[in-house]
Amino acid sequence: MESLASPKNTPCVALATKVIGDKWTPFLITSLLDGTLRFGEIQEKVKGLNPRTLSARLDSLEMVGIITKKIYPSVPPKVEYSLTQKGKDLFPVLNSMKKWGEKYL
């Protein structure tokens, strides 16, 4: 098995850390594991996150292809968020981190 410390792997680990390293990002990803949610529903699931930060995190996750944002042409506007396959592929990583935390907490 190749070492994670290998120079070849350094950019890969750095990218993963950059994508999921923000304070609220793991919570947002796991909140969308069960399916598509609207902004208010995400806010209910992720307690303590102010709307401005939530909006910024959702935008950044959309930019890197972790979530998709679907806007319906209605009044008031209806916006739904869901995980892409790339986002769903993060679940094992987050689950491993959870298990590690439980073991050493």
PDB file of N, CA and C in Angstrom:
ATOM      1  N   MET A   1       0.838  -1.183   0.000  1.00  0.00           N
ATOM      2  CA  MET A   1       0.000   0.000   0.000  1.00  0.00           C
ATOM      3  C   MET A   1       0.879   1.241   0.000  1.00  0.00           C
ATOM      4  N   GLU A   2       0.586   2.155  -0.888  1.00  0.00           N
ATOM      5  CA  GLU A   2       1.368   3.383  -0.988  1.00  0.00           C
ATOM      6  C   GLU A   2       1.034   4.314   0.172  1.00  0.00           C
ATOM      7  N   SER A   3       2.056   4.951   0.710  1.00  0.00           N
ATOM      8  CA  SER A   3       1.888   5.854   1.841  1.00  0.00           C
ATOM      9  C   SER A   3       1.083   7.088   1.455  1.00  0.00           C
ATOM     10  N   LEU A   4       0.218   7.531   2.375  1.00  0.00           N
ATOM     11  CA  LEU A   4      -0.513   8.782   2.155  1.00  0.00           C
ATOM     12  C   LEU A   4       0.432   9.970   2.113  1.00  0.00           C
ATOM     13  N   ALA A   5       1.597   9.814   2.737  1.00  0.00           N
ATOM     14  CA  ALA A   5       2.572  10.893   2.773  1.00  0.00           C
ATOM     15  C   ALA A   5       3.363  11.013   1.472  1.00  0.00           C
ATOM     16  N   SER A   6       3.127  10.124   0.540  1.00  0.00           N
ATOM     17  CA  SER A   6       3.812  10.167  -0.739  1.00  0.00           C
ATOM     18  C   SER A   6       3.535  11.499  -1.442  1.00  0.00           C
ATOM     19  N   PRO A   7       4.565  12.104  -2.059  1.00  0.00           N
ATOM     20  CA  PRO A   7       4.353  13.360  -2.779  1.00  0.00           C
ATOM     21  C   PRO A   7       3.242  13.252  -3.833  1.00  0.00           C
ATOM     22  N   LYS A   8       3.078  12.064  -4.389  1.00  0.00           N
ATOM     23  CA  LYS A   8       2.036  11.852  -5.390  1.00  0.00           C
ATOM     24  C   LYS A   8       0.635  11.992  -4.784  1.00  0.00           C
ATOM     25  N   ASN A   9       0.473  11.609  -3.522  1.00  0.00           N
ATOM     26  CA  ASN A   9      -0.827  11.643  -2.861  1.00  0.00           C
ATOM     27  C   ASN A   9      -1.144  12.972  -2.182  1.00  0.00           C
ATOM     28  N   THR A  10      -0.145  13.793  -1.945  1.00  0.00           N
ATOM     29  CA  THR A  10      -0.346  15.040  -1.220  1.00  0.00           C
ATOM     30  C   THR A  10      -1.441  15.914  -1.834  1.00  0.00           C
ATOM     31  N   PRO A  11      -1.477  16.142  -3.155  1.00  0.00           N
ATOM     32  CA  PRO A  11      -2.546  16.977  -3.714  1.00  0.00           C
ATOM     33  C   PRO A  11      -3.935  16.352  -3.521  1.00  0.00           C
ATOM     34  N   CYS A  12      -4.023  15.035  -3.547  1.00  0.00           N
ATOM     35  CA  CYS A  12      -5.317  14.353  -3.384  1.00  0.00           C
ATOM     36  C   CYS A  12      -5.859  14.554  -1.975  1.00  0.00           C
ATOM     37  N   VAL A  13      -5.014  14.373  -0.981  1.00  0.00           N
ATOM     38  CA  VAL A  13      -5.429  14.554   0.405  1.00  0.00           C
ATOM     39  C   VAL A  13      -5.758  16.022   0.660  1.00  0.00           C
ATOM     40  N   ALA A  14      -4.960  16.911   0.107  1.00  0.00           N
ATOM     41  CA  ALA A  14      -5.218  18.345   0.278  1.00  0.00           C
ATOM     42  C   ALA A  14      -6.560  18.737  -0.335  1.00  0.00           C
ATOM     43  N   LEU A  15      -6.888  18.181  -1.492  1.00  0.00           N
ATOM     44  CA  LEU A  15      -8.163  18.485  -2.135  1.00  0.00           C
ATOM     45  C   LEU A  15      -9.325  17.995  -1.283  1.00  0.00           C
ATOM     46  N   ALA A  16      -9.237  16.768  -0.808  1.00  0.00           N
ATOM     47  CA  ALA A  16     -10.317  16.216   0.024  1.00  0.00           C
ATOM     48  C   ALA A  16     -10.498  17.050   1.293  1.00  0.00           C
ATOM     49  N   THR A  17      -9.395  17.439   1.896  1.00  0.00           N
ATOM     50  CA  THR A  17      -9.461  18.260   3.105  1.00  0.00           C
ATOM     51  C   THR A  17     -10.075  19.618   2.808  1.00  0.00           C
ATOM     52  N   LYS A  18      -9.735  20.190   1.677  1.00  0.00           N
ATOM     53  CA  LYS A  18     -10.291  21.493   1.308  1.00  0.00           C
ATOM     54  C   LYS A  18     -11.798  21.402   1.087  1.00  0.00           C
ATOM     55  N   VAL A  19     -12.258  20.326   0.462  1.00  0.00           N
ATOM     56  CA  VAL A  19     -13.685  20.170   0.165  1.00  0.00           C
ATOM     57  C   VAL A  19     -14.505  19.945   1.433  1.00  0.00           C
ATOM     58  N   ILE A  20     -14.049  19.089   2.338  1.00  0.00           N
ATOM     59  CA  ILE A  20     -14.863  18.757   3.510  1.00  0.00           C
ATOM     60  C   ILE A  20     -14.372  19.420   4.793  1.00  0.00           C
ATOM     61  N   GLY A  21     -13.367  20.270   4.695  1.00  0.00           N
ATOM     62  CA  GLY A  21     -12.745  20.838   5.890  1.00  0.00           C
ATOM     63  C   GLY A  21     -13.469  22.004   6.526  1.00  0.00           C
ATOM     64  N   ASP A  22     -14.400  22.637   5.827  1.00  0.00           N
ATOM     65  CA  ASP A  22     -15.137  23.744   6.438  1.00  0.00           C
ATOM     66  C   ASP A  22     -16.004  23.224   7.582  1.00  0.00           C
ATOM     67  N   LYS A  23     -16.204  24.068   8.562  1.00  0.00           N
ATOM     68  CA  LYS A  23     -16.897  23.665   9.790  1.00  0.00           C
ATOM     69  C   LYS A  23     -18.236  22.970   9.549  1.00  0.00           C
ATOM     70  N   TRP A  24     -19.066  23.485   8.681  1.00  0.00           N
ATOM     71  CA  TRP A  24     -20.422  22.952   8.513  1.00  0.00           C
ATOM     72  C   TRP A  24     -20.573  21.954   7.373  1.00  0.00           C
ATOM     73  N   THR A  25     -19.588  21.836   6.522  1.00  0.00           N
ATOM     74  CA  THR A  25     -19.711  21.015   5.319  1.00  0.00           C
ATOM     75  C   THR A  25     -20.076  19.556   5.584  1.00  0.00           C
ATOM     76  N   PRO A  26     -19.425  18.859   6.510  1.00  0.00           N
ATOM     77  CA  PRO A  26     -19.831  17.465   6.746  1.00  0.00           C
ATOM     78  C   PRO A  26     -21.297  17.337   7.156  1.00  0.00           C
ATOM     79  N   PHE A  27     -21.801  18.288   7.944  1.00  0.00           N
ATOM     80  CA  PHE A  27     -23.197  18.257   8.360  1.00  0.00           C
ATOM     81  C   PHE A  27     -24.133  18.466   7.172  1.00  0.00           C
ATOM     82  N   LEU A  28     -23.735  19.362   6.275  1.00  0.00           N
ATOM     83  CA  LEU A  28     -24.563  19.619   5.092  1.00  0.00           C
ATOM     84  C   LEU A  28     -24.622  18.394   4.185  1.00  0.00           C
ATOM     85  N   ILE A  29     -23.475  17.765   3.990  1.00  0.00           N
ATOM     86  CA  ILE A  29     -23.425  16.577   3.125  1.00  0.00           C
ATOM     87  C   ILE A  29     -24.271  15.464   3.723  1.00  0.00           C
ATOM     88  N   THR A  30     -24.111  15.206   5.011  1.00  0.00           N
ATOM     89  CA  THR A  30     -24.884  14.122   5.617  1.00  0.00           C
ATOM     90  C   THR A  30     -26.371  14.445   5.687  1.00  0.00           C
ATOM     91  N   SER A  31     -26.722  15.733   5.781  1.00  0.00           N
ATOM     92  CA  SER A  31     -28.149  16.081   5.801  1.00  0.00           C
ATOM     93  C   SER A  31     -28.815  15.771   4.463  1.00  0.00           C
ATOM     94  N   LEU A  32     -28.038  15.757   3.391  1.00  0.00           N
ATOM     95  CA  LEU A  32     -28.591  15.493   2.059  1.00  0.00           C
ATOM     96  C   LEU A  32     -28.503  14.020   1.653  1.00  0.00           C
ATOM     97  N   LEU A  33     -27.974  13.177   2.515  1.00  0.00           N
ATOM     98  CA  LEU A  33     -27.840  11.756   2.165  1.00  0.00           C
ATOM     99  C   LEU A  33     -29.185  11.072   1.938  1.00  0.00           C
ATOM    100  N   ASP A  34     -30.207  11.515   2.642  1.00  0.00           N
ATOM    101  CA  ASP A  34     -31.521  10.882   2.503  1.00  0.00           C
ATOM    102  C   ASP A  34     -32.306  11.395   1.300  1.00  0.00           C
ATOM    103  N   GLY A  35     -31.798  12.417   0.635  1.00  0.00           N
ATOM    104  CA  GLY A  35     -32.490  12.911  -0.553  1.00  0.00           C
ATOM    105  C   GLY A  35     -32.492  14.423  -0.654  1.00  0.00           C
ATOM    106  N   THR A  36     -33.256  14.899  -1.591  1.00  0.00           N
ATOM    107  CA  THR A  36     -33.348  16.311  -1.931  1.00  0.00           C
ATOM    108  C   THR A  36     -34.034  17.101  -0.818  1.00  0.00           C
ATOM    109  N   LEU A  37     -33.469  18.285  -0.520  1.00  0.00           N
ATOM    110  CA  LEU A  37     -34.042  19.171   0.496  1.00  0.00           C
ATOM    111  C   LEU A  37     -34.060  20.610  -0.001  1.00  0.00           C
ATOM    112  N   ARG A  38     -34.984  21.375   0.542  1.00  0.00           N
ATOM    113  CA  ARG A  38     -35.023  22.815   0.289  1.00  0.00           C
ATOM    114  C   ARG A  38     -34.179  23.520   1.344  1.00  0.00           C
ATOM    115  N   PHE A  39     -33.877  24.789   1.102  1.00  0.00           N
ATOM    116  CA  PHE A  39     -33.004  25.569   1.982  1.00  0.00           C
ATOM    117  C   PHE A  39     -33.474  25.500   3.433  1.00  0.00           C
ATOM    118  N   GLY A  40     -34.753  25.772   3.673  1.00  0.00           N
ATOM    119  CA  GLY A  40     -35.290  25.774   5.035  1.00  0.00           C
ATOM    120  C   GLY A  40     -35.196  24.414   5.701  1.00  0.00           C
ATOM    121  N   GLU A  41     -35.362  23.358   4.925  1.00  0.00           N
ATOM    122  CA  GLU A  41     -35.262  22.002   5.477  1.00  0.00           C
ATOM    123  C   GLU A  41     -33.830  21.689   5.914  1.00  0.00           C
ATOM    124  N   ILE A  42     -32.876  22.151   5.108  1.00  0.00           N
ATOM    125  CA  ILE A  42     -31.465  21.959   5.481  1.00  0.00           C
ATOM    126  C   ILE A  42     -31.170  22.734   6.755  1.00  0.00           C
ATOM    127  N   GLN A  43     -31.688  23.954   6.814  1.00  0.00           N
ATOM    128  CA  GLN A  43     -31.463  24.795   7.986  1.00  0.00           C
ATOM    129  C   GLN A  43     -32.045  24.152   9.244  1.00  0.00           C
ATOM    130  N   GLU A  44     -33.179  23.490   9.127  1.00  0.00           N
ATOM    131  CA  GLU A  44     -33.770  22.786  10.270  1.00  0.00           C
ATOM    132  C   GLU A  44     -32.914  21.611  10.715  1.00  0.00           C
ATOM    133  N   LYS A  45     -32.335  20.902   9.752  1.00  0.00           N
ATOM    134  CA  LYS A  45     -31.515  19.727  10.079  1.00  0.00           C
ATOM    135  C   LYS A  45     -30.168  20.117  10.687  1.00  0.00           C
ATOM    136  N   VAL A  46     -29.610  21.218  10.215  1.00  0.00           N
ATOM    137  CA  VAL A  46     -28.290  21.659  10.675  1.00  0.00           C
ATOM    138  C   VAL A  46     -28.489  22.868  11.597  1.00  0.00           C
ATOM    139  N   LYS A  47     -28.777  22.581  12.833  1.00  0.00           N
ATOM    140  CA  LYS A  47     -29.064  23.631  13.824  1.00  0.00           C
ATOM    141  C   LYS A  47     -27.834  24.483  14.109  1.00  0.00           C
ATOM    142  N   GLY A  48     -28.068  25.782  14.287  1.00  0.00           N
ATOM    143  CA  GLY A  48     -26.991  26.684  14.671  1.00  0.00           C
ATOM    144  C   GLY A  48     -26.251  27.328  13.520  1.00  0.00           C
ATOM    145  N   LEU A  49     -26.646  27.027  12.307  1.00  0.00           N
ATOM    146  CA  LEU A  49     -25.975  27.580  11.123  1.00  0.00           C
ATOM    147  C   LEU A  49     -26.790  28.759  10.611  1.00  0.00           C
ATOM    148  N   ASN A  50     -26.167  29.936  10.560  1.00  0.00           N
ATOM    149  CA  ASN A  50     -26.934  31.096  10.107  1.00  0.00           C
ATOM    150  C   ASN A  50     -27.153  31.032   8.592  1.00  0.00           C
ATOM    151  N   PRO A  51     -28.211  31.656   8.101  1.00  0.00           N
ATOM    152  CA  PRO A  51     -28.573  31.556   6.686  1.00  0.00           C
ATOM    153  C   PRO A  51     -27.488  32.023   5.715  1.00  0.00           C
ATOM    154  N   ARG A  52     -26.751  33.047   6.085  1.00  0.00           N
ATOM    155  CA  ARG A  52     -25.690  33.554   5.198  1.00  0.00           C
ATOM    156  C   ARG A  52     -24.583  32.521   5.023  1.00  0.00           C
ATOM    157  N   THR A  53     -24.180  31.891   6.123  1.00  0.00           N
ATOM    158  CA  THR A  53     -23.150  30.855   6.060  1.00  0.00           C
ATOM    159  C   THR A  53     -23.663  29.643   5.299  1.00  0.00           C
ATOM    160  N   LEU A  54     -24.915  29.254   5.553  1.00  0.00           N
ATOM    161  CA  LEU A  54     -25.507  28.127   4.833  1.00  0.00           C
ATOM    162  C   LEU A  54     -25.497  28.383   3.337  1.00  0.00           C
ATOM    163  N   SER A  55     -25.915  29.560   2.932  1.00  0.00           N
ATOM    164  CA  SER A  55     -25.938  29.909   1.516  1.00  0.00           C
ATOM    165  C   SER A  55     -24.536  29.851   0.908  1.00  0.00           C
ATOM    166  N   ALA A  56     -23.549  30.379   1.624  1.00  0.00           N
ATOM    167  CA  ALA A  56     -22.164  30.367   1.137  1.00  0.00           C
ATOM    168  C   ALA A  56     -21.632  28.944   1.000  1.00  0.00           C
ATOM    169  N   ARG A  57     -21.908  28.094   1.999  1.00  0.00           N
ATOM    170  CA  ARG A  57     -21.440  26.706   1.946  1.00  0.00           C
ATOM    171  C   ARG A  57     -22.109  25.948   0.805  1.00  0.00           C
ATOM    172  N   LEU A  58     -23.416  26.154   0.630  1.00  0.00           N
ATOM    173  CA  LEU A  58     -24.116  25.483  -0.465  1.00  0.00           C
ATOM    174  C   LEU A  58     -23.555  25.920  -1.818  1.00  0.00           C
ATOM    175  N   ASP A  59     -23.283  27.213  -1.959  1.00  0.00           N
ATOM    176  CA  ASP A  59     -22.697  27.709  -3.206  1.00  0.00           C
ATOM    177  C   ASP A  59     -21.337  27.087  -3.477  1.00  0.00           C
ATOM    178  N   SER A  60     -20.504  26.994  -2.442  1.00  0.00           N
ATOM    179  CA  SER A  60     -19.167  26.421  -2.650  1.00  0.00           C
ATOM    180  C   SER A  60     -19.245  24.926  -2.958  1.00  0.00           C
ATOM    181  N   LEU A  61     -20.171  24.214  -2.320  1.00  0.00           N
ATOM    182  CA  LEU A  61     -20.331  22.786  -2.621  1.00  0.00           C
ATOM    183  C   LEU A  61     -20.867  22.575  -4.033  1.00  0.00           C
ATOM    184  N   GLU A  62     -21.693  23.493  -4.482  1.00  0.00           N
ATOM    185  CA  GLU A  62     -22.180  23.410  -5.866  1.00  0.00           C
ATOM    186  C   GLU A  62     -21.037  23.670  -6.850  1.00  0.00           C
ATOM    187  N   MET A  63     -20.194  24.635  -6.541  1.00  0.00           N
ATOM    188  CA  MET A  63     -19.073  24.974  -7.432  1.00  0.00           C
ATOM    189  C   MET A  63     -18.113  23.811  -7.627  1.00  0.00           C
ATOM    190  N   VAL A  64     -17.911  22.995  -6.594  1.00  0.00           N
ATOM    191  CA  VAL A  64     -16.975  21.867  -6.708  1.00  0.00           C
ATOM    192  C   VAL A  64     -17.668  20.567  -7.100  1.00  0.00           C
ATOM    193  N   GLY A  65     -18.973  20.639  -7.377  1.00  0.00           N
ATOM    194  CA  GLY A  65     -19.688  19.475  -7.889  1.00  0.00           C
ATOM    195  C   GLY A  65     -20.143  18.470  -6.852  1.00  0.00           C
ATOM    196  N   ILE A  66     -20.256  18.892  -5.596  1.00  0.00           N
ATOM    197  CA  ILE A  66     -20.699  17.991  -4.527  1.00  0.00           C
ATOM    198  C   ILE A  66     -22.231  17.957  -4.459  1.00  0.00           C
ATOM    199  N   ILE A  67     -22.851  19.088  -4.725  1.00  0.00           N
ATOM    200  CA  ILE A  67     -24.315  19.157  -4.737  1.00  0.00           C
ATOM    201  C   ILE A  67     -24.797  19.792  -6.036  1.00  0.00           C
ATOM    202  N   THR A  68     -26.065  19.569  -6.325  1.00  0.00           N
ATOM    203  CA  THR A  68     -26.724  20.275  -7.430  1.00  0.00           C
ATOM    204  C   THR A  68     -27.819  21.141  -6.838  1.00  0.00           C
ATOM    205  N   LYS A  69     -28.079  22.229  -7.514  1.00  0.00           N
ATOM    206  CA  LYS A  69     -29.095  23.189  -7.089  1.00  0.00           C
ATOM    207  C   LYS A  69     -30.097  23.299  -8.234  1.00  0.00           C
ATOM    208  N   LYS A  70     -31.349  23.003  -7.941  1.00  0.00           N
ATOM    209  CA  LYS A  70     -32.389  23.094  -8.961  1.00  0.00           C
ATOM    210  C   LYS A  70     -33.347  24.209  -8.577  1.00  0.00           C
ATOM    211  N   ILE A  71     -33.477  25.178  -9.486  1.00  0.00           N
ATOM    212  CA  ILE A  71     -34.348  26.327  -9.256  1.00  0.00           C
ATOM    213  C   ILE A  71     -35.594  26.174 -10.125  1.00  0.00           C
ATOM    214  N   TYR A  72     -36.748  26.214  -9.476  1.00  0.00           N
ATOM    215  CA  TYR A  72     -38.014  26.108 -10.191  1.00  0.00           C
ATOM    216  C   TYR A  72     -38.558  27.512 -10.454  1.00  0.00           C
ATOM    217  N   PRO A  73     -39.062  27.750 -11.660  1.00  0.00           N
ATOM    218  CA  PRO A  73     -39.597  29.080 -11.984  1.00  0.00           C
ATOM    219  C   PRO A  73     -40.998  29.263 -11.379  1.00  0.00           C
ATOM    220  N   SER A  74     -41.039  29.602 -10.123  1.00  0.00           N
ATOM    221  CA  SER A  74     -42.319  29.798  -9.453  1.00  0.00           C
ATOM    222  C   SER A  74     -42.224  31.005  -8.530  1.00  0.00           C
ATOM    223  N   VAL A  75     -43.370  31.436  -8.046  1.00  0.00           N
ATOM    224  CA  VAL A  75     -43.404  32.542  -7.100  1.00  0.00           C
ATOM    225  C   VAL A  75     -44.108  32.038  -5.844  1.00  0.00           C
ATOM    226  N   PRO A  76     -43.457  32.043  -4.685  1.00  0.00           N
ATOM    227  CA  PRO A  76     -42.049  32.381  -4.467  1.00  0.00           C
ATOM    228  C   PRO A  76     -41.135  31.324  -5.082  1.00  0.00           C
ATOM    229  N   PRO A  77     -39.870  31.681  -5.319  1.00  0.00           N
ATOM    230  CA  PRO A  77     -38.940  30.732  -5.940  1.00  0.00           C
ATOM    231  C   PRO A  77     -38.790  29.469  -5.095  1.00  0.00           C
ATOM    232  N   LYS A  78     -38.722  28.346  -5.754  1.00  0.00           N
ATOM    233  CA  LYS A  78     -38.499  27.067  -5.086  1.00  0.00           C
ATOM    234  C   LYS A  78     -37.126  26.565  -5.524  1.00  0.00           C
ATOM    235  N   VAL A  79     -36.275  26.284  -4.545  1.00  0.00           N
ATOM    236  CA  VAL A  79     -34.923  25.815  -4.824  1.00  0.00           C
ATOM    237  C   VAL A  79     -34.701  24.526  -4.046  1.00  0.00           C
ATOM    238  N   GLU A  80     -34.190  23.521  -4.732  1.00  0.00           N
ATOM    239  CA  GLU A  80     -33.898  22.237  -4.099  1.00  0.00           C
ATOM    240  C   GLU A  80     -32.426  21.895  -4.271  1.00  0.00           C
ATOM    241  N   TYR A  81     -31.886  21.250  -3.238  1.00  0.00           N
ATOM    242  CA  TYR A  81     -30.488  20.836  -3.230  1.00  0.00           C
ATOM    243  C   TYR A  81     -30.411  19.326  -3.084  1.00  0.00           C
ATOM    244  N   SER A  82     -29.500  18.718  -3.830  1.00  0.00           N
ATOM    245  CA  SER A  82     -29.283  17.280  -3.688  1.00  0.00           C
ATOM    246  C   SER A  82     -27.813  16.962  -3.956  1.00  0.00           C
ATOM    247  N   LEU A  83     -27.401  15.814  -3.455  1.00  0.00           N
ATOM    248  CA  LEU A  83     -26.019  15.372  -3.659  1.00  0.00           C
ATOM    249  C   LEU A  83     -25.827  14.826  -5.061  1.00  0.00           C
ATOM    250  N   THR A  84     -24.682  15.110  -5.631  1.00  0.00           N
ATOM    251  CA  THR A  84     -24.275  14.466  -6.874  1.00  0.00           C
ATOM    252  C   THR A  84     -23.641  13.126  -6.500  1.00  0.00           C
ATOM    253  N   GLN A  85     -23.265  12.347  -7.490  1.00  0.00           N
ATOM    254  CA  GLN A  85     -22.561  11.091  -7.173  1.00  0.00           C
ATOM    255  C   GLN A  85     -21.245  11.392  -6.475  1.00  0.00           C
ATOM    256  N   LYS A  86     -20.601  12.460  -6.895  1.00  0.00           N
ATOM    257  CA  LYS A  86     -19.351  12.890  -6.253  1.00  0.00           C
ATOM    258  C   LYS A  86     -19.586  13.167  -4.766  1.00  0.00           C
ATOM    259  N   GLY A  87     -20.717  13.784  -4.441  1.00  0.00           N
ATOM    260  CA  GLY A  87     -21.066  14.057  -3.057  1.00  0.00           C
ATOM    261  C   GLY A  87     -21.386  12.787  -2.290  1.00  0.00           C
ATOM    262  N   LYS A  88     -22.125  11.885  -2.923  1.00  0.00           N
ATOM    263  CA  LYS A  88     -22.463  10.612  -2.283  1.00  0.00           C
ATOM    264  C   LYS A  88     -21.211   9.788  -2.009  1.00  0.00           C
ATOM    265  N   ASP A  89     -20.218   9.919  -2.873  1.00  0.00           N
ATOM    266  CA  ASP A  89     -18.965   9.185  -2.692  1.00  0.00           C
ATOM    267  C   ASP A  89     -18.184   9.645  -1.455  1.00  0.00           C
ATOM    268  N   LEU A  90     -18.562  10.783  -0.878  1.00  0.00           N
ATOM    269  CA  LEU A  90     -17.906  11.253   0.341  1.00  0.00           C
ATOM    270  C   LEU A  90     -18.428  10.551   1.588  1.00  0.00           C
ATOM    271  N   PHE A  91     -19.563   9.871   1.482  1.00  0.00           N
ATOM    272  CA  PHE A  91     -20.146   9.239   2.673  1.00  0.00           C
ATOM    273  C   PHE A  91     -19.176   8.280   3.365  1.00  0.00           C
ATOM    274  N   PRO A  92     -18.516   7.360   2.655  1.00  0.00           N
ATOM    275  CA  PRO A  92     -17.589   6.463   3.362  1.00  0.00           C
ATOM    276  C   PRO A  92     -16.463   7.212   4.080  1.00  0.00           C
ATOM    277  N   VAL A  93     -16.018   8.306   3.494  1.00  0.00           N
ATOM    278  CA  VAL A  93     -14.961   9.111   4.114  1.00  0.00           C
ATOM    279  C   VAL A  93     -15.478   9.713   5.423  1.00  0.00           C
ATOM    280  N   LEU A  94     -16.652  10.328   5.356  1.00  0.00           N
ATOM    281  CA  LEU A  94     -17.235  10.943   6.552  1.00  0.00           C
ATOM    282  C   LEU A  94     -17.584   9.899   7.604  1.00  0.00           C
ATOM    283  N   ASN A  95     -18.062   8.746   7.170  1.00  0.00           N
ATOM    284  CA  ASN A  95     -18.395   7.674   8.095  1.00  0.00           C
ATOM    285  C   ASN A  95     -17.138   7.165   8.806  1.00  0.00           C
ATOM    286  N   SER A  96     -16.035   7.041   8.076  1.00  0.00           N
ATOM    287  CA  SER A  96     -14.763   6.624   8.686  1.00  0.00           C
ATOM    288  C   SER A  96     -14.282   7.658   9.703  1.00  0.00           C
ATOM    289  N   MET A  97     -14.445   8.924   9.371  1.00  0.00           N
ATOM    290  CA  MET A  97     -14.056   9.985  10.303  1.00  0.00           C
ATOM    291  C   MET A  97     -14.911   9.925  11.566  1.00  0.00           C
ATOM    292  N   LYS A  98     -16.194   9.651  11.402  1.00  0.00           N
ATOM    293  CA  LYS A  98     -17.113   9.524  12.541  1.00  0.00           C
ATOM    294  C   LYS A  98     -16.671   8.376  13.451  1.00  0.00           C
ATOM    295  N   LYS A  99     -16.369   7.235  12.843  1.00  0.00           N
ATOM    296  CA  LYS A  99     -15.941   6.072  13.623  1.00  0.00           C
ATOM    297  C   LYS A  99     -14.633   6.351  14.355  1.00  0.00           C
ATOM    298  N   TRP A 100     -13.717   7.018  13.685  1.00  0.00           N
ATOM    299  CA  TRP A 100     -12.454   7.367  14.316  1.00  0.00           C
ATOM    300  C   TRP A 100     -12.712   8.285  15.512  1.00  0.00           C
ATOM    301  N   GLY A 101     -13.578   9.280  15.324  1.00  0.00           N
ATOM    302  CA  GLY A 101     -13.921  10.200  16.409  1.00  0.00           C
ATOM    303  C   GLY A 101     -14.557   9.487  17.588  1.00  0.00           C
ATOM    304  N   GLU A 102     -15.457   8.551  17.304  1.00  0.00           N
ATOM    305  CA  GLU A 102     -16.105   7.776  18.375  1.00  0.00           C
ATOM    306  C   GLU A 102     -15.078   6.943  19.154  1.00  0.00           C
ATOM    307  N   LYS A 103     -14.120   6.415  18.427  1.00  0.00           N
ATOM    308  CA  LYS A 103     -13.113   5.568  19.069  1.00  0.00           C
ATOM    309  C   LYS A 103     -12.195   6.372  19.989  1.00  0.00           C
ATOM    310  N   TYR A 104     -11.849   7.597  19.584  1.00  0.00           N
ATOM    311  CA  TYR A 104     -10.864   8.367  20.337  1.00  0.00           C
ATOM    312  C   TYR A 104     -11.414   9.561  21.094  1.00  0.00           C
ATOM    313  N   LEU A 105     -12.713   9.738  21.079  1.00  0.00           N
ATOM    314  CA  LEU A 105     -13.313  10.879  21.787  1.00  0.00           C
ATOM    315  C   LEU A 105     -13.151  10.740  23.279  1.00  0.00           C
TER     316      LEU A 105
END
